[in-house]
């Protein structure tokens, strides 16, 4: 497998998982949550390279950091209330 994700190429979920270095269950959660868009072709899911690249872009990382910090703060506040 190539180390470069090509925006106009179509990948299988396994190939996308390999690029992103995530587990199958994480991929399923991301697909279900709409984080990654997948298209069903002949009963099998396919993912555009550009959708994989959106996940690893710097903007996605910044947004992910903000979400993580927000969730972390909510959890801390919930624990303090107990």
N, C-alpha and C. Protein backbone atom coordinates (compact mmCIF):
# COMPACT_ATOMS: atom_id res chain seq x y z
N UNK A 1 0.84 -1.18 0.00
CA UNK A 1 0.00 0.00 0.00
C UNK A 1 0.88 1.24 0.00
N UNK A 2 0.45 2.23 -0.75
CA UNK A 2 1.16 3.49 -0.85
C UNK A 2 1.01 4.29 0.45
N UNK A 3 1.99 5.14 0.73
CA UNK A 3 1.93 5.97 1.93
C UNK A 3 1.16 7.26 1.67
N UNK A 4 0.73 7.48 0.43
CA UNK A 4 0.05 8.71 0.07
C UNK A 4 -1.43 8.45 -0.19
N UNK A 5 -2.27 9.28 0.40
CA UNK A 5 -3.71 9.18 0.17
C UNK A 5 -4.03 10.09 -1.01
N UNK A 6 -4.62 9.51 -2.04
CA UNK A 6 -4.97 10.29 -3.23
C UNK A 6 -6.43 10.71 -3.13
N UNK A 7 -6.71 12.01 -3.22
CA UNK A 7 -8.07 12.51 -3.03
C UNK A 7 -9.11 11.90 -3.97
N UNK A 8 -8.74 11.61 -5.19
CA UNK A 8 -9.70 11.12 -6.17
C UNK A 8 -9.74 9.60 -6.27
N UNK A 9 -9.04 8.92 -5.38
CA UNK A 9 -9.06 7.46 -5.38
C UNK A 9 -10.10 6.98 -4.37
N UNK A 10 -10.65 5.81 -4.63
CA UNK A 10 -11.65 5.23 -3.73
C UNK A 10 -10.98 4.09 -2.95
N UNK A 11 -11.21 4.06 -1.63
CA UNK A 11 -10.58 3.09 -0.75
C UNK A 11 -11.61 2.23 -0.04
N UNK A 12 -11.19 1.05 0.36
CA UNK A 12 -12.03 0.19 1.19
C UNK A 12 -11.91 0.67 2.63
N UNK A 13 -12.85 0.28 3.48
CA UNK A 13 -12.73 0.66 4.89
C UNK A 13 -11.43 0.15 5.52
N UNK A 14 -10.98 -1.04 5.13
CA UNK A 14 -9.72 -1.57 5.68
C UNK A 14 -8.54 -0.68 5.28
N UNK A 15 -8.50 -0.26 4.01
CA UNK A 15 -7.42 0.62 3.57
C UNK A 15 -7.46 1.94 4.34
N UNK A 16 -8.67 2.47 4.54
CA UNK A 16 -8.81 3.72 5.30
C UNK A 16 -8.34 3.53 6.74
N UNK A 17 -8.71 2.39 7.34
CA UNK A 17 -8.26 2.10 8.72
C UNK A 17 -6.74 2.04 8.79
N UNK A 18 -6.13 1.42 7.79
CA UNK A 18 -4.67 1.31 7.76
C UNK A 18 -4.02 2.70 7.68
N UNK A 19 -4.57 3.57 6.84
CA UNK A 19 -4.04 4.93 6.74
C UNK A 19 -4.18 5.67 8.06
N UNK A 20 -5.35 5.55 8.67
CA UNK A 20 -5.64 6.30 9.90
C UNK A 20 -5.10 5.62 11.16
N UNK A 21 -4.69 4.36 11.01
CA UNK A 21 -4.17 3.57 12.13
C UNK A 21 -5.19 3.49 13.26
N UNK A 22 -6.40 3.07 12.90
CA UNK A 22 -7.48 2.91 13.86
C UNK A 22 -8.03 1.50 13.78
N UNK A 23 -8.74 1.09 14.80
CA UNK A 23 -9.31 -0.26 14.84
C UNK A 23 -10.60 -0.31 14.02
N UNK A 24 -11.07 -1.52 13.79
CA UNK A 24 -12.31 -1.72 13.05
C UNK A 24 -13.49 -1.10 13.80
N UNK A 25 -13.50 -1.27 15.13
CA UNK A 25 -14.61 -0.71 15.91
C UNK A 25 -14.60 0.82 15.88
N UNK A 26 -13.41 1.42 15.90
CA UNK A 26 -13.32 2.88 15.81
C UNK A 26 -13.81 3.34 14.44
N UNK A 27 -13.45 2.62 13.40
CA UNK A 27 -13.91 2.97 12.05
C UNK A 27 -15.43 2.91 11.99
N UNK A 28 -16.01 1.87 12.57
CA UNK A 28 -17.47 1.74 12.57
C UNK A 28 -18.13 2.91 13.30
N UNK A 29 -17.55 3.30 14.44
CA UNK A 29 -18.10 4.44 15.19
C UNK A 29 -18.00 5.73 14.37
N UNK A 30 -16.87 5.92 13.70
CA UNK A 30 -16.68 7.13 12.90
C UNK A 30 -17.65 7.17 11.72
N UNK A 31 -17.89 6.02 11.11
CA UNK A 31 -18.85 5.94 10.01
C UNK A 31 -20.26 6.22 10.51
N UNK A 32 -20.61 5.62 11.64
CA UNK A 32 -21.95 5.79 12.20
C UNK A 32 -22.19 7.24 12.61
N UNK A 33 -21.17 7.88 13.15
CA UNK A 33 -21.29 9.27 13.60
C UNK A 33 -21.20 10.26 12.44
N UNK A 34 -20.85 9.79 11.27
CA UNK A 34 -20.74 10.67 10.12
C UNK A 34 -19.42 11.41 10.04
N UNK A 35 -18.45 10.99 10.84
CA UNK A 35 -17.13 11.62 10.82
C UNK A 35 -16.45 11.31 9.49
N UNK A 36 -16.64 10.10 9.00
CA UNK A 36 -16.15 9.69 7.69
C UNK A 36 -17.36 9.30 6.86
N UNK A 37 -17.41 9.81 5.64
CA UNK A 37 -18.49 9.46 4.73
C UNK A 37 -18.11 8.20 3.96
N UNK A 38 -19.04 7.25 3.89
CA UNK A 38 -18.81 6.04 3.10
C UNK A 38 -20.00 5.84 2.18
N UNK A 39 -19.73 5.24 1.05
CA UNK A 39 -20.76 4.98 0.06
C UNK A 39 -20.84 3.48 -0.16
N UNK A 40 -22.06 2.97 -0.22
CA UNK A 40 -22.25 1.55 -0.41
C UNK A 40 -22.32 1.26 -1.91
N UNK A 41 -21.40 0.43 -2.38
CA UNK A 41 -21.34 0.05 -3.78
C UNK A 41 -21.38 -1.47 -3.86
N UNK A 42 -22.40 -1.99 -4.49
CA UNK A 42 -22.57 -3.45 -4.62
C UNK A 42 -22.48 -4.15 -3.27
N UNK A 43 -23.08 -3.55 -2.25
CA UNK A 43 -23.12 -4.16 -0.93
C UNK A 43 -21.86 -3.97 -0.09
N UNK A 44 -20.88 -3.24 -0.62
CA UNK A 44 -19.64 -3.00 0.13
C UNK A 44 -19.40 -1.50 0.24
N UNK A 45 -18.85 -1.10 1.39
CA UNK A 45 -18.58 0.32 1.60
C UNK A 45 -17.29 0.74 0.91
N UNK A 46 -17.33 1.96 0.39
CA UNK A 46 -16.16 2.57 -0.23
C UNK A 46 -16.04 4.01 0.27
N UNK A 47 -14.81 4.49 0.39
CA UNK A 47 -14.55 5.81 0.96
C UNK A 47 -13.63 6.58 0.01
N UNK A 48 -14.02 7.80 -0.31
CA UNK A 48 -13.18 8.65 -1.16
C UNK A 48 -11.94 9.06 -0.37
N UNK A 49 -10.82 9.16 -1.06
CA UNK A 49 -9.58 9.61 -0.44
C UNK A 49 -9.71 10.99 0.17
N UNK A 50 -10.46 11.87 -0.48
CA UNK A 50 -10.63 13.24 0.05
C UNK A 50 -11.32 13.22 1.41
N UNK A 51 -12.20 12.24 1.64
CA UNK A 51 -12.87 12.15 2.94
C UNK A 51 -11.90 11.65 4.02
N UNK A 52 -10.97 10.81 3.64
CA UNK A 52 -9.93 10.37 4.58
C UNK A 52 -9.01 11.54 4.91
N UNK A 53 -8.65 12.31 3.89
CA UNK A 53 -7.76 13.46 4.10
C UNK A 53 -8.38 14.51 5.02
N UNK A 54 -9.71 14.64 4.99
CA UNK A 54 -10.37 15.60 5.89
C UNK A 54 -10.11 15.25 7.35
N UNK A 55 -10.01 13.96 7.63
CA UNK A 55 -9.79 13.49 9.01
C UNK A 55 -8.40 13.88 9.50
N UNK A 56 -7.41 13.84 8.62
CA UNK A 56 -6.03 14.09 9.05
C UNK A 56 -5.58 15.53 8.80
N UNK A 57 -6.49 16.38 8.35
CA UNK A 57 -6.11 17.77 8.10
C UNK A 57 -5.87 18.50 9.42
N UNK A 58 -5.12 19.57 9.36
CA UNK A 58 -4.82 20.33 10.58
C UNK A 58 -6.09 20.93 11.17
N UNK A 59 -7.06 21.30 10.33
CA UNK A 59 -8.30 21.85 10.84
C UNK A 59 -9.06 20.81 11.64
N UNK A 60 -9.04 19.58 11.18
CA UNK A 60 -9.72 18.50 11.90
C UNK A 60 -9.05 18.25 13.25
N UNK A 61 -7.74 18.33 13.27
CA UNK A 61 -7.00 18.12 14.52
C UNK A 61 -7.36 19.21 15.53
N UNK A 62 -7.41 20.45 15.08
CA UNK A 62 -7.76 21.57 15.97
C UNK A 62 -9.17 21.39 16.50
N UNK A 63 -10.11 21.05 15.61
CA UNK A 63 -11.50 20.84 16.04
C UNK A 63 -11.58 19.67 17.03
N UNK A 64 -10.84 18.60 16.76
CA UNK A 64 -10.82 17.45 17.65
C UNK A 64 -10.27 17.81 19.02
N UNK A 65 -9.25 18.63 19.05
CA UNK A 65 -8.68 19.08 20.32
C UNK A 65 -9.71 19.87 21.13
N UNK A 66 -10.45 20.75 20.45
CA UNK A 66 -11.47 21.54 21.14
C UNK A 66 -12.56 20.64 21.71
N UNK A 67 -13.00 19.68 20.93
CA UNK A 67 -14.04 18.75 21.39
C UNK A 67 -13.53 17.95 22.57
N UNK A 68 -12.29 17.44 22.48
CA UNK A 68 -11.70 16.66 23.57
C UNK A 68 -11.66 17.49 24.85
N UNK A 69 -11.19 18.71 24.77
CA UNK A 69 -11.07 19.55 25.97
C UNK A 69 -12.45 19.87 26.56
N UNK A 70 -13.44 20.08 25.71
CA UNK A 70 -14.80 20.33 26.20
C UNK A 70 -15.35 19.12 26.94
N UNK A 71 -15.20 17.94 26.34
CA UNK A 71 -15.68 16.71 26.98
C UNK A 71 -14.93 16.45 28.27
N UNK A 72 -13.63 16.66 28.26
CA UNK A 72 -12.81 16.45 29.45
C UNK A 72 -13.29 17.35 30.59
N UNK A 73 -13.58 18.61 30.27
CA UNK A 73 -14.05 19.55 31.29
C UNK A 73 -15.40 19.13 31.85
N UNK A 74 -16.30 18.67 30.99
CA UNK A 74 -17.62 18.21 31.43
C UNK A 74 -17.49 17.00 32.37
N UNK A 75 -16.59 16.10 32.03
CA UNK A 75 -16.38 14.91 32.86
C UNK A 75 -15.82 15.32 34.22
N UNK A 76 -14.85 16.22 34.23
CA UNK A 76 -14.28 16.69 35.49
C UNK A 76 -15.35 17.33 36.37
N UNK A 77 -16.22 18.14 35.76
CA UNK A 77 -17.29 18.79 36.52
C UNK A 77 -18.29 17.77 37.06
N UNK A 78 -18.59 16.75 36.28
CA UNK A 78 -19.51 15.71 36.73
C UNK A 78 -18.94 14.95 37.90
N UNK A 79 -17.65 14.63 37.84
CA UNK A 79 -16.98 13.89 38.92
C UNK A 79 -16.95 14.74 40.20
N UNK A 80 -16.73 16.05 40.07
CA UNK A 80 -16.71 16.93 41.23
C UNK A 80 -18.04 16.96 41.95
N UNK A 81 -19.14 16.82 41.18
CA UNK A 81 -20.49 16.88 41.76
C UNK A 81 -20.78 15.63 42.59
N UNK A 82 -20.13 14.53 42.31
CA UNK A 82 -20.37 13.29 43.04
C UNK A 82 -19.79 13.44 44.41
